[in-house]
N, C-alpha and C. Protein backbone atom coordinates (compact mmCIF):
# COMPACT_ATOMS: atom_id res chain seq x y z
N MET A 1 0.85 -1.19 0.00
CA MET A 1 0.00 0.00 0.00
C MET A 1 0.88 1.24 0.00
N GLY A 2 0.44 2.27 -0.67
CA GLY A 2 1.19 3.51 -0.71
C GLY A 2 0.81 4.44 0.43
N ARG A 3 1.63 5.42 0.64
CA ARG A 3 1.38 6.39 1.70
C ARG A 3 0.60 7.60 1.22
N LYS A 4 0.46 7.75 -0.10
CA LYS A 4 -0.24 8.91 -0.65
C LYS A 4 -1.71 8.56 -0.85
N LEU A 5 -2.59 9.41 -0.32
CA LEU A 5 -4.02 9.16 -0.35
C LEU A 5 -4.75 10.21 -1.18
N TYR A 6 -5.75 9.76 -1.92
CA TYR A 6 -6.67 10.64 -2.63
C TYR A 6 -7.81 10.95 -1.67
N VAL A 7 -8.16 12.22 -1.54
CA VAL A 7 -9.27 12.64 -0.69
C VAL A 7 -10.25 13.40 -1.56
N GLY A 8 -11.42 12.83 -1.80
CA GLY A 8 -12.40 13.43 -2.68
C GLY A 8 -13.65 13.88 -1.96
N ASN A 9 -14.48 14.63 -2.67
CA ASN A 9 -15.74 15.19 -2.19
C ASN A 9 -15.54 16.12 -1.00
N LEU A 10 -14.50 16.91 -1.08
CA LEU A 10 -14.23 17.89 -0.02
C LEU A 10 -15.11 19.12 -0.21
N PRO A 11 -15.51 19.75 0.90
CA PRO A 11 -16.24 21.02 0.76
C PRO A 11 -15.29 22.09 0.24
N PHE A 12 -15.82 23.06 -0.47
CA PHE A 12 -14.97 24.12 -1.02
C PHE A 12 -14.34 24.97 0.08
N SER A 13 -14.87 24.89 1.29
CA SER A 13 -14.32 25.63 2.42
C SER A 13 -13.10 24.95 3.03
N ALA A 14 -12.81 23.71 2.65
CA ALA A 14 -11.67 22.98 3.22
C ALA A 14 -10.36 23.66 2.85
N THR A 15 -9.43 23.65 3.79
CA THR A 15 -8.10 24.21 3.56
C THR A 15 -7.06 23.11 3.76
N GLU A 16 -5.86 23.36 3.29
CA GLU A 16 -4.80 22.39 3.51
C GLU A 16 -4.52 22.22 5.00
N HIS A 17 -4.66 23.31 5.74
CA HIS A 17 -4.47 23.24 7.20
C HIS A 17 -5.52 22.35 7.86
N SER A 18 -6.80 22.51 7.48
CA SER A 18 -7.86 21.70 8.09
C SER A 18 -7.72 20.23 7.69
N LEU A 19 -7.27 19.97 6.48
CA LEU A 19 -7.04 18.59 6.03
C LEU A 19 -5.89 17.97 6.82
N ASN A 20 -4.81 18.72 6.97
CA ASN A 20 -3.66 18.27 7.75
C ASN A 20 -4.08 17.98 9.19
N GLU A 21 -4.85 18.86 9.77
CA GLU A 21 -5.29 18.71 11.16
C GLU A 21 -6.14 17.45 11.33
N ALA A 22 -7.07 17.22 10.43
CA ALA A 22 -7.95 16.05 10.52
C ALA A 22 -7.15 14.76 10.39
N PHE A 23 -6.29 14.66 9.38
CA PHE A 23 -5.56 13.42 9.13
C PHE A 23 -4.45 13.17 10.14
N SER A 24 -4.03 14.19 10.85
CA SER A 24 -2.99 13.99 11.87
C SER A 24 -3.51 13.16 13.03
N GLN A 25 -4.82 12.94 13.11
CA GLN A 25 -5.39 12.06 14.13
C GLN A 25 -4.96 10.61 13.90
N CYS A 26 -4.52 10.29 12.68
CA CYS A 26 -4.11 8.93 12.33
C CYS A 26 -2.59 8.77 12.26
N GLY A 27 -1.86 9.82 12.51
CA GLY A 27 -0.40 9.76 12.46
C GLY A 27 0.18 11.03 11.88
N ARG A 28 1.46 10.95 11.53
CA ARG A 28 2.16 12.13 11.03
C ARG A 28 1.84 12.35 9.55
N VAL A 29 1.41 13.56 9.24
CA VAL A 29 1.08 13.94 7.86
C VAL A 29 2.32 14.57 7.24
N GLU A 30 2.81 13.96 6.16
CA GLU A 30 3.97 14.50 5.44
C GLU A 30 3.57 15.73 4.62
N SER A 31 2.40 15.64 3.96
CA SER A 31 1.93 16.78 3.16
C SER A 31 0.42 16.66 2.97
N ALA A 32 -0.21 17.81 2.80
CA ALA A 32 -1.64 17.87 2.49
C ALA A 32 -1.81 18.94 1.42
N LYS A 33 -2.42 18.58 0.31
CA LYS A 33 -2.56 19.50 -0.83
C LYS A 33 -3.97 19.44 -1.36
N ILE A 34 -4.62 20.60 -1.45
CA ILE A 34 -5.92 20.70 -2.08
C ILE A 34 -5.71 21.22 -3.49
N ILE A 35 -6.30 20.56 -4.46
CA ILE A 35 -6.13 20.93 -5.85
C ILE A 35 -7.07 22.08 -6.17
N THR A 36 -6.51 23.11 -6.80
CA THR A 36 -7.29 24.31 -7.11
C THR A 36 -7.30 24.56 -8.61
N ASP A 37 -8.30 25.27 -9.05
CA ASP A 37 -8.40 25.69 -10.45
C ASP A 37 -7.32 26.73 -10.71
N ARG A 38 -6.57 26.57 -11.76
CA ARG A 38 -5.45 27.49 -12.00
C ARG A 38 -5.91 28.89 -12.39
N ASP A 39 -7.10 29.02 -12.96
CA ASP A 39 -7.58 30.34 -13.36
C ASP A 39 -8.25 31.10 -12.21
N THR A 40 -9.06 30.39 -11.42
CA THR A 40 -9.82 31.06 -10.35
C THR A 40 -9.21 30.90 -8.98
N GLY A 41 -8.38 29.89 -8.79
CA GLY A 41 -7.80 29.62 -7.48
C GLY A 41 -8.77 28.91 -6.54
N ARG A 42 -9.96 28.61 -7.02
CA ARG A 42 -10.98 27.94 -6.20
C ARG A 42 -10.70 26.45 -6.12
N SER A 43 -11.00 25.86 -4.98
CA SER A 43 -10.81 24.42 -4.78
C SER A 43 -11.61 23.63 -5.81
N LYS A 44 -11.05 22.52 -6.26
CA LYS A 44 -11.77 21.63 -7.16
C LYS A 44 -12.52 20.55 -6.39
N GLY A 45 -12.40 20.56 -5.06
CA GLY A 45 -13.15 19.62 -4.23
C GLY A 45 -12.44 18.31 -3.96
N PHE A 46 -11.14 18.25 -4.27
CA PHE A 46 -10.37 17.06 -3.93
C PHE A 46 -8.93 17.44 -3.65
N GLY A 47 -8.21 16.50 -3.06
CA GLY A 47 -6.83 16.77 -2.74
C GLY A 47 -6.09 15.48 -2.44
N PHE A 48 -4.87 15.63 -1.92
CA PHE A 48 -4.02 14.49 -1.62
C PHE A 48 -3.37 14.71 -0.26
N VAL A 49 -3.27 13.62 0.49
CA VAL A 49 -2.60 13.63 1.78
C VAL A 49 -1.56 12.53 1.75
N GLU A 50 -0.34 12.85 2.17
CA GLU A 50 0.70 11.84 2.26
C GLU A 50 1.02 11.60 3.72
N MET A 51 0.84 10.35 4.15
CA MET A 51 1.12 9.97 5.53
C MET A 51 2.56 9.48 5.62
N SER A 52 3.09 9.39 6.84
CA SER A 52 4.50 9.02 6.99
C SER A 52 4.74 7.51 6.91
N SER A 53 3.68 6.69 7.02
CA SER A 53 3.86 5.23 6.89
C SER A 53 2.64 4.60 6.23
N ASP A 54 2.84 3.39 5.72
CA ASP A 54 1.74 2.65 5.11
C ASP A 54 0.66 2.34 6.14
N ALA A 55 1.06 2.01 7.36
CA ALA A 55 0.10 1.67 8.41
C ALA A 55 -0.78 2.88 8.75
N GLU A 56 -0.17 4.06 8.82
CA GLU A 56 -0.95 5.27 9.09
C GLU A 56 -1.90 5.58 7.94
N ALA A 57 -1.46 5.33 6.71
CA ALA A 57 -2.32 5.56 5.54
C ALA A 57 -3.52 4.62 5.58
N ALA A 58 -3.29 3.35 5.91
CA ALA A 58 -4.38 2.38 6.00
C ALA A 58 -5.36 2.78 7.10
N GLN A 59 -4.84 3.26 8.21
CA GLN A 59 -5.69 3.71 9.32
C GLN A 59 -6.53 4.91 8.89
N ALA A 60 -5.93 5.84 8.15
CA ALA A 60 -6.64 7.03 7.69
C ALA A 60 -7.76 6.65 6.72
N ILE A 61 -7.51 5.69 5.84
CA ILE A 61 -8.55 5.23 4.91
C ILE A 61 -9.72 4.64 5.68
N SER A 62 -9.42 3.75 6.62
CA SER A 62 -10.51 3.10 7.36
C SER A 62 -11.27 4.09 8.24
N ARG A 63 -10.58 5.10 8.73
CA ARG A 63 -11.24 6.07 9.60
C ARG A 63 -12.04 7.13 8.82
N PHE A 64 -11.51 7.62 7.71
CA PHE A 64 -12.12 8.78 7.04
C PHE A 64 -12.94 8.47 5.79
N ASN A 65 -12.74 7.32 5.15
CA ASN A 65 -13.52 7.02 3.95
C ASN A 65 -15.00 6.88 4.34
N GLY A 66 -15.84 7.72 3.77
CA GLY A 66 -17.27 7.71 4.07
C GLY A 66 -17.66 8.55 5.27
N SER A 67 -16.68 9.22 5.88
CA SER A 67 -16.99 10.05 7.05
C SER A 67 -17.33 11.48 6.63
N ASP A 68 -17.94 12.21 7.54
CA ASP A 68 -18.37 13.57 7.29
C ASP A 68 -17.23 14.56 7.53
N PHE A 69 -17.06 15.49 6.60
CA PHE A 69 -16.07 16.57 6.74
C PHE A 69 -16.78 17.86 6.36
N ASP A 70 -17.16 18.64 7.33
CA ASP A 70 -17.89 19.89 7.12
C ASP A 70 -19.13 19.71 6.24
N GLY A 71 -19.88 18.66 6.52
CA GLY A 71 -21.14 18.44 5.81
C GLY A 71 -21.04 17.65 4.52
N ARG A 72 -19.86 17.20 4.15
CA ARG A 72 -19.68 16.40 2.92
C ARG A 72 -19.14 15.02 3.31
N THR A 73 -19.57 13.99 2.60
CA THR A 73 -19.08 12.64 2.85
C THR A 73 -17.82 12.42 2.01
N MET A 74 -16.69 12.31 2.71
CA MET A 74 -15.39 12.18 2.03
C MET A 74 -15.20 10.81 1.40
N THR A 75 -14.45 10.79 0.32
CA THR A 75 -13.95 9.57 -0.28
C THR A 75 -12.44 9.57 -0.06
N VAL A 76 -11.94 8.53 0.59
CA VAL A 76 -10.51 8.45 0.85
C VAL A 76 -10.03 7.07 0.42
N ASN A 77 -9.05 7.05 -0.48
CA ASN A 77 -8.44 5.80 -0.89
C ASN A 77 -7.01 6.04 -1.35
N GLU A 78 -6.33 4.96 -1.68
CA GLU A 78 -4.94 5.08 -2.12
C GLU A 78 -4.89 5.82 -3.44
N ALA A 79 -4.00 6.79 -3.53
CA ALA A 79 -3.84 7.57 -4.76
C ALA A 79 -3.23 6.70 -5.84
N LYS A 80 -3.74 6.84 -7.04
CA LYS A 80 -3.18 6.12 -8.19
C LYS A 80 -2.13 7.02 -8.85
N PRO A 81 -1.11 6.42 -9.43
CA PRO A 81 -0.10 7.24 -10.12
C PRO A 81 -0.75 8.03 -11.26
N MET A 82 -0.26 9.24 -11.45
CA MET A 82 -0.80 10.09 -12.51
C MET A 82 -0.40 9.52 -13.87
N GLU A 83 -1.39 9.40 -14.75
CA GLU A 83 -1.12 8.89 -16.09
C GLU A 83 -0.69 10.05 -16.98
N PRO A 84 0.18 9.77 -17.95
CA PRO A 84 0.59 10.84 -18.85
C PRO A 84 -0.60 11.36 -19.66
N ARG A 85 -0.63 12.65 -19.87
CA ARG A 85 -1.72 13.27 -20.63
C ARG A 85 -1.35 13.38 -22.09
N ASP A 86 -2.38 13.40 -22.92
CA ASP A 86 -2.17 13.71 -24.33
C ASP A 86 -1.88 15.19 -24.43
N ASN A 87 -1.14 15.59 -25.45
CA ASN A 87 -0.89 17.01 -25.65
C ASN A 87 -2.18 17.62 -26.20
N ARG A 88 -2.89 18.32 -25.35
CA ARG A 88 -4.19 18.86 -25.74
C ARG A 88 -4.12 20.30 -26.23
N GLY A 89 -2.96 20.87 -26.19
CA GLY A 89 -2.81 22.24 -26.65
C GLY A 89 -2.99 22.33 -28.15
N ALA A 90 -3.45 23.46 -28.62
CA ALA A 90 -3.67 23.64 -30.05
C ALA A 90 -2.35 23.70 -30.81
N GLY A 91 -1.32 24.11 -30.10
CA GLY A 91 -0.02 24.21 -30.76
C GLY A 91 0.02 25.38 -31.73
N ARG A 92 1.13 25.54 -32.35
CA ARG A 92 1.27 26.62 -33.33
C ARG A 92 0.87 26.12 -34.69
N ARG A 93 0.16 26.92 -35.39
CA ARG A 93 -0.21 26.56 -36.76
C ARG A 93 0.43 27.55 -37.71
N PHE A 94 0.95 27.05 -38.77
CA PHE A 94 1.63 27.91 -39.72
C PHE A 94 0.80 28.12 -40.95
């Protein structure tokens, strides 16, 4: 099992600090990151938490998956590696 967790269905009011604080109940949090829209800076409603050990990550999944976080039911599971994206840019046309 990996130490990096996907945390979905977060309220838009969630902050990296509040995510770190919540997950620290299961052990040491290496990092907590909420993904934001690059144009508006607004939360996209999901993020990632990296725990310091696999055991702490497993504990966090069992404790927080399906639990309430500021009125939203969180989804917490092991993060999957990011897949390479297709080049979606229009590119230069001559």
